[in-house]
Amino acid sequence: MPLIGYARVSTEDQTPLPQSQALKSAGCAEIHEEQASGGSRARPVLAGVLDRIGKGDTLVVVRIDRLARSLSHLLEVIERLEARGAFFRSLTDPIDTSSPQGKFTLQVLGAAAEFERALIRERTRAGLASARSKGRIGGNPGLRSRDPAALCKVRLARQDGYMERLGETAQDWVPSVRRLRPDMAWEDVLRIINGPLPETRRWTQGRLLRAVTAYVRDGFLPESVLARARRRETDDRLPTIVAAIKGADPDITLQAICTRLEAMRERTPRGRTSWQPSSVKLLLERAEKLGLLE
């Protein structure tokens, strides 16, 4: 079971060396170091590790706070690992998702997080009810009076919040959009992006297009990704899709590609719903001849 270490420090004055040494002593042959705030979810090194981690691998940290500062972020990362068949372990905390005890600890943490959210909702409702009973009206006075400056400020804040939320999920869709557009139609790009994601995190085409448009507007993606999809010969479509899946995960097995295609409800060249590794192999060979594989 390959162990992949992740070490993080917050400032340039700190050194990740003690963490890296502990991870190496724990058996991590591959260690990734990053200098970033623990409160930020947009960490390129961590995003790259989560993109490349494979089935059976274990992401290892010295302490939980090196990975996430909030319980919601920790659970989100572990959910991504589980979706890829990978595990998580903390050297100094009782969490190892490859063991029954570690999974139980994770369930307890999840229940605690839900309880905390319920308490916050209840306190918020109680506070609003108390304010209304005293005749106070909540909200921004500038918004109630439709003040242009207040409206502009709120609009900019919402835009910043939207971009921050997109940054938390960018690793799920930006690499595929950058690699596949405009060579592939949006419908197929969407299915490839959603393939490895859990049901609760899958995209709709409308949401994906809005996200891509926002990233193009701010210069994070080239304008070419929004161009009209290039027309391809009908018999090139399946090789293109299989090449895209292989390109996103070069180590993926033929059987795993079969599973992905079935999850996408993609039919075989003969119109069947069940895929065989031999069919995928033929499509990969055709994709290579067409120059679709890097």
C-alpha atoms as a PDB file:
ATOM      1  CA  MET A   1       0.000   0.000   0.000  1.00  0.00           C
ATOM      2  CA  PRO A   2       1.907   3.131  -1.170  1.00  0.00           C
ATOM      3  CA  LEU A   3       2.137   5.876   1.468  1.00  0.00           C
ATOM      4  CA  ILE A   4       2.111   9.469   0.163  1.00  0.00           C
ATOM      5  CA  GLY A   5       3.152  12.145   2.650  1.00  0.00           C
ATOM      6  CA  TYR A   6       1.918  15.751   2.756  1.00  0.00           C
ATOM      7  CA  ALA A   7       3.699  18.402   4.842  1.00  0.00           C
ATOM      8  CA  ARG A   8       2.513  22.002   5.152  1.00  0.00           C
ATOM      9  CA  VAL A   9       3.848  25.135   6.827  1.00  0.00           C
ATOM     10  CA  SER A  10       2.104  28.499   6.959  1.00  0.00           C
ATOM     11  CA  THR A  11       4.988  30.944   6.470  1.00  0.00           C
ATOM     12  CA  GLU A  12       8.394  31.100   4.813  1.00  0.00           C
ATOM     13  CA  ASP A  13      10.013  31.374   8.262  1.00  0.00           C
ATOM     14  CA  GLN A  14       8.857  27.854   9.096  1.00  0.00           C
ATOM     15  CA  THR A  15      10.412  24.681   7.741  1.00  0.00           C
ATOM     16  CA  PRO A  16       8.592  21.475   6.778  1.00  0.00           C
ATOM     17  CA  LEU A  17      11.729  19.409   7.530  1.00  0.00           C
ATOM     18  CA  PRO A  18      10.512  17.929  10.871  1.00  0.00           C
ATOM     19  CA  GLN A  19       7.236  16.878   9.242  1.00  0.00           C
ATOM     20  CA  SER A  20       9.036  15.384   6.242  1.00  0.00           C
ATOM     21  CA  GLN A  21      11.384  13.432   8.503  1.00  0.00           C
ATOM     22  CA  ALA A  22       8.448  12.034  10.491  1.00  0.00           C
ATOM     23  CA  LEU A  23       6.649  11.077   7.286  1.00  0.00           C
ATOM     24  CA  LYS A  24       9.771   9.409   5.925  1.00  0.00           C
ATOM     25  CA  SER A  25      10.176   7.455   9.173  1.00  0.00           C
ATOM     26  CA  ALA A  26       6.544   6.322   8.829  1.00  0.00           C
ATOM     27  CA  GLY A  27       7.363   4.762   5.452  1.00  0.00           C
ATOM     28  CA  CYS A  28       6.375   7.502   2.992  1.00  0.00           C
ATOM     29  CA  ALA A  29       8.537   7.125  -0.111  1.00  0.00           C
ATOM     30  CA  GLU A  30       6.836  10.140  -1.742  1.00  0.00           C
ATOM     31  CA  ILE A  31       6.522  13.388   0.235  1.00  0.00           C
ATOM     32  CA  HIS A  32       4.986  16.668  -0.968  1.00  0.00           C
ATOM     33  CA  GLU A  33       5.766  19.942   0.830  1.00  0.00           C
ATOM     34  CA  GLU A  34       3.726  23.150   0.635  1.00  0.00           C
ATOM     35  CA  GLN A  35       3.861  26.640   2.090  1.00  0.00           C
ATOM     36  CA  ALA A  36       0.278  27.884   2.444  1.00  0.00           C
ATOM     37  CA  SER A  37      -2.269  28.975   5.007  1.00  0.00           C
ATOM     38  CA  GLY A  38      -4.204  26.148   6.619  1.00  0.00           C
ATOM     39  CA  GLY A  39      -7.397  28.159   6.230  1.00  0.00           C
ATOM     40  CA  SER A  40      -7.028  28.263   2.445  1.00  0.00           C
ATOM     41  CA  ARG A  41      -8.566  25.412   0.460  1.00  0.00           C
ATOM     42  CA  ALA A  42      -6.938  26.558  -2.790  1.00  0.00           C
ATOM     43  CA  ARG A  43      -3.572  24.835  -2.316  1.00  0.00           C
ATOM     44  CA  PRO A  44      -1.989  23.768  -5.626  1.00  0.00           C
ATOM     45  CA  VAL A  45       0.325  21.114  -4.133  1.00  0.00           C
ATOM     46  CA  LEU A  46      -2.494  19.443  -2.185  1.00  0.00           C
ATOM     47  CA  ALA A  47      -4.788  19.693  -5.228  1.00  0.00           C
ATOM     48  CA  GLY A  48      -2.144  17.985  -7.356  1.00  0.00           C
ATOM     49  CA  VAL A  49      -1.726  15.177  -4.812  1.00  0.00           C
ATOM     50  CA  LEU A  50      -5.490  14.590  -4.679  1.00  0.00           C
ATOM     51  CA  ASP A  51      -5.651  14.566  -8.490  1.00  0.00           C
ATOM     52  CA  ARG A  52      -2.917  11.942  -8.833  1.00  0.00           C
ATOM     53  CA  ILE A  53      -3.535   9.699  -5.846  1.00  0.00           C
ATOM     54  CA  GLY A  54      -4.611   6.211  -6.889  1.00  0.00           C
ATOM     55  CA  LYS A  55      -6.637   3.299  -5.618  1.00  0.00           C
ATOM     56  CA  GLY A  56      -5.055   1.690  -2.548  1.00  0.00           C
ATOM     57  CA  ASP A  57      -2.785   4.681  -1.826  1.00  0.00           C
ATOM     58  CA  THR A  58      -2.796   6.358   1.592  1.00  0.00           C
ATOM     59  CA  LEU A  59      -2.367  10.085   2.152  1.00  0.00           C
ATOM     60  CA  VAL A  60      -0.371  10.594   5.369  1.00  0.00           C
ATOM     61  CA  VAL A  61       0.077  13.759   7.466  1.00  0.00           C
ATOM     62  CA  VAL A  62       1.806  14.341  10.795  1.00  0.00           C
ATOM     63  CA  ARG A  63      -1.225  16.069  12.304  1.00  0.00           C
ATOM     64  CA  ILE A  64      -4.738  16.765  11.063  1.00  0.00           C
ATOM     65  CA  ASP A  65      -4.194  20.533  11.118  1.00  0.00           C
ATOM     66  CA  ARG A  66      -1.479  20.122   8.469  1.00  0.00           C
ATOM     67  CA  LEU A  67      -4.222  19.007   6.071  1.00  0.00           C
ATOM     68  CA  ALA A  68      -7.260  21.011   7.173  1.00  0.00           C
ATOM     69  CA  ARG A  69      -8.165  23.606   9.769  1.00  0.00           C
ATOM     70  CA  SER A  70     -11.903  22.930   9.652  1.00  0.00           C
ATOM     71  CA  LEU A  71     -13.804  19.709  10.118  1.00  0.00           C
ATOM     72  CA  SER A  72     -15.827  20.333   6.962  1.00  0.00           C
ATOM     73  CA  HIS A  73     -12.639  20.623   4.862  1.00  0.00           C
ATOM     74  CA  LEU A  74     -11.177  17.475   6.442  1.00  0.00           C
ATOM     75  CA  LEU A  75     -14.318  15.476   5.670  1.00  0.00           C
ATOM     76  CA  GLU A  76     -14.395  16.881   2.130  1.00  0.00           C
ATOM     77  CA  VAL A  77     -10.796  15.752   1.452  1.00  0.00           C
ATOM     78  CA  ILE A  78     -11.427  12.300   2.926  1.00  0.00           C
ATOM     79  CA  GLU A  79     -14.570  11.977   0.784  1.00  0.00           C
ATOM     80  CA  ARG A  80     -12.474  12.738  -2.327  1.00  0.00           C
ATOM     81  CA  LEU A  81      -9.929  10.121  -1.289  1.00  0.00           C
ATOM     82  CA  GLU A  82     -12.638   7.509  -0.733  1.00  0.00           C
ATOM     83  CA  ALA A  83     -14.100   8.273  -4.164  1.00  0.00           C
ATOM     84  CA  ARG A  84     -10.718   7.333  -5.666  1.00  0.00           C
ATOM     85  CA  GLY A  85     -10.350   4.220  -3.507  1.00  0.00           C
ATOM     86  CA  ALA A  86      -7.614   5.839  -1.392  1.00  0.00           C
ATOM     87  CA  PHE A  87      -7.185   6.192   2.385  1.00  0.00           C
ATOM     88  CA  PHE A  88      -6.122   8.828   4.930  1.00  0.00           C
ATOM     89  CA  ARG A  89      -3.891   8.549   7.994  1.00  0.00           C
ATOM     90  CA  SER A  90      -2.695  11.012  10.630  1.00  0.00           C
ATOM     91  CA  LEU A  91       0.420   9.988  12.561  1.00  0.00           C
ATOM     92  CA  THR A  92      -0.510  11.762  15.821  1.00  0.00           C
ATOM     93  CA  ASP A  93      -4.323  11.549  15.667  1.00  0.00           C
ATOM     94  CA  PRO A  94      -6.514   8.411  15.891  1.00  0.00           C
ATOM     95  CA  ILE A  95      -7.577   8.507  12.252  1.00  0.00           C
ATOM     96  CA  ASP A  96      -6.705   5.803   9.732  1.00  0.00           C
ATOM     97  CA  THR A  97      -9.525   5.235   7.251  1.00  0.00           C
ATOM     98  CA  SER A  98      -8.035   1.906   6.178  1.00  0.00           C
ATOM     99  CA  SER A  99      -8.962   0.451   9.606  1.00  0.00           C
ATOM    100  CA  PRO A 100     -12.392  -0.092  11.223  1.00  0.00           C
ATOM    101  CA  GLN A 101     -11.349   2.034  14.236  1.00  0.00           C
ATOM    102  CA  GLY A 102     -10.312   4.902  11.977  1.00  0.00           C
ATOM    103  CA  LYS A 103     -13.582   4.765  10.054  1.00  0.00           C
ATOM    104  CA  PHE A 104     -15.510   4.817  13.353  1.00  0.00           C
ATOM    105  CA  THR A 105     -13.569   7.907  14.489  1.00  0.00           C
ATOM    106  CA  LEU A 106     -14.397   9.562  11.177  1.00  0.00           C
ATOM    107  CA  GLN A 107     -18.109   8.797  11.629  1.00  0.00           C
ATOM    108  CA  VAL A 108     -17.997  10.350  15.102  1.00  0.00           C
ATOM    109  CA  LEU A 109     -16.362  13.479  13.681  1.00  0.00           C
ATOM    110  CA  GLY A 110     -19.000  13.677  10.960  1.00  0.00           C
ATOM    111  CA  ALA A 111     -21.797  13.380  13.525  1.00  0.00           C
ATOM    112  CA  ALA A 112     -20.157  16.095  15.661  1.00  0.00           C
ATOM    113  CA  ALA A 113     -19.936  18.395  12.639  1.00  0.00           C
ATOM    114  CA  GLU A 114     -23.626  17.892  11.826  1.00  0.00           C
ATOM    115  CA  PHE A 115     -24.565  18.516  15.479  1.00  0.00           C
ATOM    116  CA  GLU A 116     -22.522  21.740  15.460  1.00  0.00           C
ATOM    117  CA  ARG A 117     -24.258  22.937  12.279  1.00  0.00           C
ATOM    118  CA  ALA A 118     -27.670  22.154  13.824  1.00  0.00           C
ATOM    119  CA  LEU A 119     -26.812  24.193  16.938  1.00  0.00           C
ATOM    120  CA  ILE A 120     -25.722  27.165  14.821  1.00  0.00           C
ATOM    121  CA  ARG A 121     -28.966  27.033  12.797  1.00  0.00           C
ATOM    122  CA  GLU A 122     -31.041  26.870  15.993  1.00  0.00           C
ATOM    123  CA  ARG A 123     -29.211  29.806  17.598  1.00  0.00           C
ATOM    124  CA  THR A 124     -29.614  31.858  14.414  1.00  0.00           C
ATOM    125  CA  ARG A 125     -33.360  31.209  14.262  1.00  0.00           C
ATOM    126  CA  ALA A 126     -33.741  32.056  17.971  1.00  0.00           C
ATOM    127  CA  GLY A 127     -31.816  35.298  17.544  1.00  0.00           C
ATOM    128  CA  LEU A 128     -33.907  36.379  14.558  1.00  0.00           C
ATOM    129  CA  ALA A 129     -37.151  35.569  16.366  1.00  0.00           C
ATOM    130  CA  SER A 130     -36.035  37.602  19.409  1.00  0.00           C
ATOM    131  CA  ALA A 131     -35.105  40.573  17.218  1.00  0.00           C
ATOM    132  CA  ARG A 132     -38.474  40.496  15.411  1.00  0.00           C
ATOM    133  CA  SER A 133     -40.354  40.373  18.714  1.00  0.00           C
ATOM    134  CA  LYS A 134     -38.586  43.609  19.701  1.00  0.00           C
ATOM    135  CA  GLY A 135     -39.533  45.312  16.452  1.00  0.00           C
ATOM    136  CA  ARG A 136     -36.076  45.197  14.895  1.00  0.00           C
ATOM    137  CA  ILE A 137     -35.830  44.428  11.188  1.00  0.00           C
ATOM    138  CA  GLY A 138     -32.768  42.572  10.068  1.00  0.00           C
ATOM    139  CA  GLY A 139     -30.747  43.246   6.976  1.00  0.00           C
ATOM    140  CA  ASN A 140     -28.659  46.003   5.506  1.00  0.00           C
ATOM    141  CA  PRO A 141     -30.349  49.456   5.639  1.00  0.00           C
ATOM    142  CA  GLY A 142     -28.623  50.407   2.391  1.00  0.00           C
ATOM    143  CA  LEU A 143     -30.126  47.385   0.635  1.00  0.00           C
ATOM    144  CA  ARG A 144     -33.590  48.134   1.979  1.00  0.00           C
ATOM    145  CA  SER A 145     -33.338  51.645   0.550  1.00  0.00           C
ATOM    146  CA  ARG A 146     -31.846  50.304  -2.726  1.00  0.00           C
ATOM    147  CA  ASP A 147     -28.739  52.468  -2.303  1.00  0.00           C
ATOM    148  CA  PRO A 148     -26.553  51.965  -5.452  1.00  0.00           C
ATOM    149  CA  ALA A 149     -23.294  51.885  -3.478  1.00  0.00           C
ATOM    150  CA  ALA A 150     -24.639  49.234  -1.097  1.00  0.00           C
ATOM    151  CA  LEU A 151     -26.003  47.184  -3.975  1.00  0.00           C
ATOM    152  CA  CYS A 152     -22.627  47.339  -5.761  1.00  0.00           C
ATOM    153  CA  LYS A 153     -20.782  46.298  -2.605  1.00  0.00           C
ATOM    154  CA  VAL A 154     -23.053  43.284  -2.111  1.00  0.00           C
ATOM    155  CA  ARG A 155     -22.723  42.281  -5.766  1.00  0.00           C
ATOM    156  CA  LEU A 156     -18.918  42.366  -5.562  1.00  0.00           C
ATOM    157  CA  ALA A 157     -18.969  40.408  -2.292  1.00  0.00           C
ATOM    158  CA  ARG A 158     -21.172  37.747  -3.847  1.00  0.00           C
ATOM    159  CA  GLN A 159     -18.859  37.544  -6.849  1.00  0.00           C
ATOM    160  CA  ASP A 160     -15.829  37.127  -4.573  1.00  0.00           C
ATOM    161  CA  GLY A 161     -17.650  34.454  -2.590  1.00  0.00           C
ATOM    162  CA  TYR A 162     -18.586  32.624  -5.779  1.00  0.00           C
ATOM    163  CA  MET A 163     -14.981  32.653  -7.028  1.00  0.00           C
ATOM    164  CA  GLU A 164     -13.776  31.389  -3.649  1.00  0.00           C
ATOM    165  CA  ARG A 165     -16.234  28.478  -3.801  1.00  0.00           C
ATOM    166  CA  LEU A 166     -15.122  27.697  -7.343  1.00  0.00           C
ATOM    167  CA  GLY A 167     -11.519  27.644  -6.137  1.00  0.00           C
ATOM    168  CA  GLU A 168     -12.421  24.890  -3.664  1.00  0.00           C
ATOM    169  CA  THR A 169     -13.620  22.634  -6.502  1.00  0.00           C
ATOM    170  CA  ALA A 170     -11.289  23.783  -9.291  1.00  0.00           C
ATOM    171  CA  GLN A 171      -9.239  20.588  -9.161  1.00  0.00           C
ATOM    172  CA  ASP A 172     -12.385  18.637 -10.119  1.00  0.00           C
ATOM    173  CA  TRP A 173     -13.025  20.388 -13.436  1.00  0.00           C
ATOM    174  CA  VAL A 174     -10.367  22.900 -14.507  1.00  0.00           C
ATOM    175  CA  PRO A 175      -7.763  20.317 -15.700  1.00  0.00           C
ATOM    176  CA  SER A 176     -10.370  18.478 -17.799  1.00  0.00           C
ATOM    177  CA  VAL A 177     -11.798  21.682 -19.302  1.00  0.00           C
ATOM    178  CA  ARG A 178      -8.314  22.960 -20.133  1.00  0.00           C
ATOM    179  CA  ARG A 179      -7.355  19.628 -21.733  1.00  0.00           C
ATOM    180  CA  LEU A 180     -10.579  18.675 -23.547  1.00  0.00           C
ATOM    181  CA  ARG A 181     -12.108  21.937 -24.783  1.00  0.00           C
ATOM    182  CA  PRO A 182     -12.908  22.879 -27.509  1.00  0.00           C
ATOM    183  CA  ASP A 183     -12.002  19.491 -29.036  1.00  0.00           C
ATOM    184  CA  MET A 184     -14.858  17.774 -27.198  1.00  0.00           C
ATOM    185  CA  ALA A 185     -18.521  18.725 -26.827  1.00  0.00           C
ATOM    186  CA  TRP A 186     -19.657  20.036 -23.442  1.00  0.00           C
ATOM    187  CA  GLU A 187     -21.956  17.034 -22.906  1.00  0.00           C
ATOM    188  CA  ASP A 188     -19.027  14.613 -23.092  1.00  0.00           C
ATOM    189  CA  VAL A 189     -16.726  16.847 -21.041  1.00  0.00           C
ATOM    190  CA  LEU A 190     -19.391  16.996 -18.332  1.00  0.00           C
ATOM    191  CA  ARG A 191     -19.744  13.217 -18.193  1.00  0.00           C
ATOM    192  CA  ILE A 192     -15.968  12.746 -17.932  1.00  0.00           C
ATOM    193  CA  ILE A 193     -15.739  15.310 -15.110  1.00  0.00           C
ATOM    194  CA  ASN A 194     -18.652  13.759 -13.189  1.00  0.00           C
ATOM    195  CA  GLY A 195     -17.397  10.186 -13.659  1.00  0.00           C
ATOM    196  CA  PRO A 196     -15.130   9.972 -10.573  1.00  0.00           C
ATOM    197  CA  LEU A 197     -17.146  12.394  -8.410  1.00  0.00           C
ATOM    198  CA  PRO A 198     -19.662  11.325  -5.739  1.00  0.00           C
ATOM    199  CA  GLU A 199     -23.319  12.033  -6.493  1.00  0.00           C
ATOM    200  CA  THR A 200     -23.442  15.052  -4.175  1.00  0.00           C
ATOM    201  CA  ARG A 201     -20.610  16.850  -5.998  1.00  0.00           C
ATOM    202  CA  ARG A 202     -21.554  16.286  -9.623  1.00  0.00           C
ATOM    203  CA  TRP A 203     -21.995  19.215 -11.979  1.00  0.00           C
ATOM    204  CA  THR A 204     -24.837  20.187 -14.255  1.00  0.00           C
ATOM    205  CA  GLN A 205     -23.949  21.590 -17.660  1.00  0.00           C
ATOM    206  CA  GLY A 206     -25.361  25.003 -16.740  1.00  0.00           C
ATOM    207  CA  ARG A 207     -23.278  25.247 -13.538  1.00  0.00           C
ATOM    208  CA  LEU A 208     -20.151  24.097 -15.353  1.00  0.00           C
ATOM    209  CA  LEU A 209     -20.588  26.678 -18.124  1.00  0.00           C
ATOM    210  CA  ARG A 210     -21.113  29.469 -15.579  1.00  0.00           C
ATOM    211  CA  ALA A 211     -17.968  28.397 -13.712  1.00  0.00           C
ATOM    212  CA  VAL A 212     -15.883  28.204 -16.892  1.00  0.00           C
ATOM    213  CA  THR A 213     -17.168  31.606 -18.043  1.00  0.00           C
ATOM    214  CA  ALA A 214     -16.182  33.140 -14.692  1.00  0.00           C
ATOM    215  CA  TYR A 215     -12.696  31.618 -14.901  1.00  0.00           C
ATOM    216  CA  VAL A 216     -12.263  32.865 -18.483  1.00  0.00           C
ATOM    217  CA  ARG A 217     -13.388  36.351 -17.437  1.00  0.00           C
ATOM    218  CA  ASP A 218     -10.771  36.453 -14.646  1.00  0.00           C
ATOM    219  CA  GLY A 219      -8.023  34.999 -16.842  1.00  0.00           C
ATOM    220  CA  PHE A 220      -7.730  31.576 -15.176  1.00  0.00           C
ATOM    221  CA  LEU A 221      -8.717  29.796 -18.405  1.00  0.00           C
ATOM    222  CA  PRO A 222      -8.126  30.776 -22.063  1.00  0.00           C
ATOM    223  CA  GLU A 223     -11.066  32.099 -24.079  1.00  0.00           C
ATOM    224  CA  SER A 224     -10.632  29.209 -26.520  1.00  0.00           C
ATOM    225  CA  VAL A 225     -12.328  26.783 -24.099  1.00  0.00           C
ATOM    226  CA  LEU A 226     -15.639  28.568 -24.791  1.00  0.00           C
ATOM    227  CA  ALA A 227     -15.324  28.235 -28.567  1.00  0.00           C
ATOM    228  CA  ARG A 228     -17.689  26.004 -30.514  1.00  0.00           C
ATOM    229  CA  ALA A 229     -16.699  22.348 -30.296  1.00  0.00           C
ATOM    230  CA  ARG A 230     -14.788  21.123 -33.301  1.00  0.00           C
ATOM    231  CA  ARG A 231     -16.666  18.686 -35.509  1.00  0.00           C
ATOM    232  CA  ARG A 232     -15.336  15.142 -35.525  1.00  0.00           C
ATOM    233  CA  GLU A 233     -16.081  12.061 -37.534  1.00  0.00           C
ATOM    234  CA  THR A 234     -18.733   9.889 -35.881  1.00  0.00           C
ATOM    235  CA  ASP A 235     -16.374   6.948 -35.345  1.00  0.00           C
ATOM    236  CA  ASP A 236     -13.838   9.218 -33.593  1.00  0.00           C
ATOM    237  CA  ARG A 237     -16.121  10.013 -30.665  1.00  0.00           C
ATOM    238  CA  LEU A 238     -15.536   6.890 -28.563  1.00  0.00           C
ATOM    239  CA  PRO A 239     -11.742   6.932 -29.028  1.00  0.00           C
ATOM    240  CA  THR A 240     -11.796  10.588 -27.977  1.00  0.00           C
ATOM    241  CA  ILE A 241     -13.757   9.838 -24.785  1.00  0.00           C
ATOM    242  CA  VAL A 242     -11.563   6.862 -23.863  1.00  0.00           C
ATOM    243  CA  ALA A 243      -8.425   8.925 -24.543  1.00  0.00           C
ATOM    244  CA  ALA A 244      -9.766  11.686 -22.273  1.00  0.00           C
ATOM    245  CA  ILE A 245     -10.336   9.230 -19.411  1.00  0.00           C
ATOM    246  CA  LYS A 246      -6.875   7.756 -19.900  1.00  0.00           C
ATOM    247  CA  GLY A 247      -5.317  11.210 -20.110  1.00  0.00           C
ATOM    248  CA  ALA A 248      -6.825  12.253 -16.772  1.00  0.00           C
ATOM    249  CA  ASP A 249      -5.389   9.153 -15.063  1.00  0.00           C
ATOM    250  CA  PRO A 250      -2.521   7.546 -17.021  1.00  0.00           C
ATOM    251  CA  ASP A 251      -2.330   4.617 -14.563  1.00  0.00           C
ATOM    252  CA  ILE A 252      -6.000   3.704 -14.854  1.00  0.00           C
ATOM    253  CA  THR A 253      -6.660   0.059 -15.771  1.00  0.00           C
ATOM    254  CA  LEU A 254      -8.718  -1.170 -18.713  1.00  0.00           C
ATOM    255  CA  GLN A 255     -11.319  -2.561 -16.309  1.00  0.00           C
ATOM    256  CA  ALA A 256     -11.546   0.765 -14.480  1.00  0.00           C
ATOM    257  CA  ILE A 257     -12.168   2.509 -17.813  1.00  0.00           C
ATOM    258  CA  CYS A 258     -14.938  -0.021 -18.492  1.00  0.00           C
ATOM    259  CA  THR A 259     -16.503   0.846 -15.126  1.00  0.00           C
ATOM    260  CA  ARG A 260     -16.234   4.566 -15.871  1.00  0.00           C
ATOM    261  CA  LEU A 261     -17.872   4.180 -19.295  1.00  0.00           C
ATOM    262  CA  GLU A 262     -20.715   2.141 -17.821  1.00  0.00           C
ATOM    263  CA  ALA A 263     -21.232   4.793 -15.126  1.00  0.00           C
ATOM    264  CA  MET A 264     -21.412   7.379 -17.927  1.00  0.00           C
ATOM    265  CA  ARG A 265     -23.987   5.138 -19.656  1.00  0.00           C
ATOM    266  CA  GLU A 266     -21.834   5.126 -22.757  1.00  0.00           C
ATOM    267  CA  ARG A 267     -22.692   2.304 -25.163  1.00  0.00           C
ATOM    268  CA  THR A 268     -20.137   0.113 -26.887  1.00  0.00           C
ATOM    269  CA  PRO A 269     -19.556   0.396 -30.658  1.00  0.00           C
ATOM    270  CA  ARG A 270     -22.087  -2.442 -31.015  1.00  0.00           C
ATOM    271  CA  GLY A 271     -24.661  -0.670 -28.868  1.00  0.00           C
ATOM    272  CA  ARG A 272     -24.228  -2.750 -25.708  1.00  0.00           C
ATOM    273  CA  THR A 273     -24.307  -1.337 -22.187  1.00  0.00           C
ATOM    274  CA  SER A 274     -21.657  -3.671 -20.760  1.00  0.00           C
ATOM    275  CA  TRP A 275     -18.021  -2.965 -21.621  1.00  0.00           C
ATOM    276  CA  GLN A 276     -15.106  -5.400 -21.892  1.00  0.00           C
ATOM    277  CA  PRO A 277     -11.381  -4.550 -21.464  1.00  0.00           C
ATOM    278  CA  SER A 278     -10.695  -5.841 -24.972  1.00  0.00           C
ATOM    279  CA  SER A 279     -13.051  -3.225 -26.455  1.00  0.00           C
ATOM    280  CA  VAL A 280     -11.381  -0.462 -24.456  1.00  0.00           C
ATOM    281  CA  LYS A 281      -7.948  -1.667 -25.600  1.00  0.00           C
ATOM    282  CA  LEU A 282      -9.007  -1.445 -29.248  1.00  0.00           C
ATOM    283  CA  LEU A 283     -10.332   2.079 -28.726  1.00  0.00           C
ATOM    284  CA  LEU A 284      -7.097   3.140 -27.025  1.00  0.00           C
ATOM    285  CA  GLU A 285      -5.098   1.759 -29.938  1.00  0.00           C
ATOM    286  CA  ARG A 286      -7.290   3.713 -32.340  1.00  0.00           C
ATOM    287  CA  ALA A 287      -6.945   6.838 -30.198  1.00  0.00           C
ATOM    288  CA  GLU A 288      -3.167   6.480 -30.337  1.00  0.00           C
ATOM    289  CA  LYS A 289      -3.232   6.222 -34.113  1.00  0.00           C
ATOM    290  CA  LEU A 290      -5.391   9.342 -34.255  1.00  0.00           C
ATOM    291  CA  GLY A 291      -2.891  11.210 -32.077  1.00  0.00           C
ATOM    292  CA  LEU A 292      -5.356  11.615 -29.216  1.00  0.00           C
ATOM    293  CA  LEU A 293      -3.081  10.123 -26.556  1.00  0.00           C
ATOM    294  CA  GLU A 294      -0.141  12.075 -25.192  1.00  0.00           C
END
